[in-house]
Amino acid sequence: MGSGICPFGVIMINSTSNKQIRNLVQLLTKAKVRREQGLFVAEGIRMYRETPGNRIVKTYVSESFYEKEENRALLKGGEPEIVTDRVFASTSDTKTPQGILCLIRQQEYTLPEMLRGDNPMLLLLEDIQDPGNLGTIFRTAEAAGAAGIIMSSGTADIYNPKTIRSTMGSIYRMPFLYVKDFAPVLERLGKCGIRTYAAHLQGSSEYTGQDYRKGCAFMIGNEGKGLTGELAKKADARVKISMSGEVESLNAAVSAAVLMFEAKRQRNGG
């Protein structure tokens, strides 16, 4: 049901009622379904190229995409499911679909994995809500050399399609972990000699006044409310980013970038 033969002589999905298509839509729109199946969807040529081949479960391409030889040359082994352009558009989370998306296995990481290297730099994110912000933080963390990102359970779903796009591939290279309670994490970091710094408007010192050359973890709070008082109090230090003009606060992703790249500057001897 919901399939036909395309000009290349292979079966093509031509109905939105097709079981696979309905499942794709569920994975794109519902975090619960993504968790249950341990899968997520990545869309577009850039994300497909970035995706490790051994994590791809299945690839879907539009009929017009598959018609082009240069596009077929991009495919990483295994026959893709070919979908009519109309049906593919119904599964796309973008306004201008590029004609390719894939199902990918989710990856699990642990805190010990993030702590293996020398003087790791970590991010602790509390209730970040905007998918684009979260994806940008992942991409920036990779660029700054962070070892991992630890998120509260109230943080946006990293596997949200908008977040995936915003990571620009960093989702595959940046270790991450969701936790219900930061207390055990902070205890472990303390035992490992990793100092924690809360980005806070009432910080007692300027962010440039701290030494981040050894193990460190930056706490970044919710876009509107910042860090909760309870978590901020548990930090070894609260730091502020002084601003000019009438600006009261920075975007969460920008704050994370400022702190991480200051640490990177210091570690590079700047």
Foldseek 3Di string as FASTA:
>chain_A
DQWDADPVGDIAGEDCPDPVNVLLQCQQPPPVSCVVVQKFKEFDDLQLLLDDPVFFPAKEFEPVQVVDPVSVVSDDDDDHHYYHPVSVVVSDPDPDGPGMMTMGGHDADDPVQLVPDFQAEEEEEEQAEDLLLQLLLLLLCVVLRHSAYEYEPNHDDCRNRNNSVNVSNSSVPHHYYYDNDCVVVLVVCVVVVEAEEEADLPWPEALLVDASLGHYYYYFYYQPPTDDPVVNVSGPTYHYHDDDDPDRDDGRSVVSNVNSNSNSCVNVVD
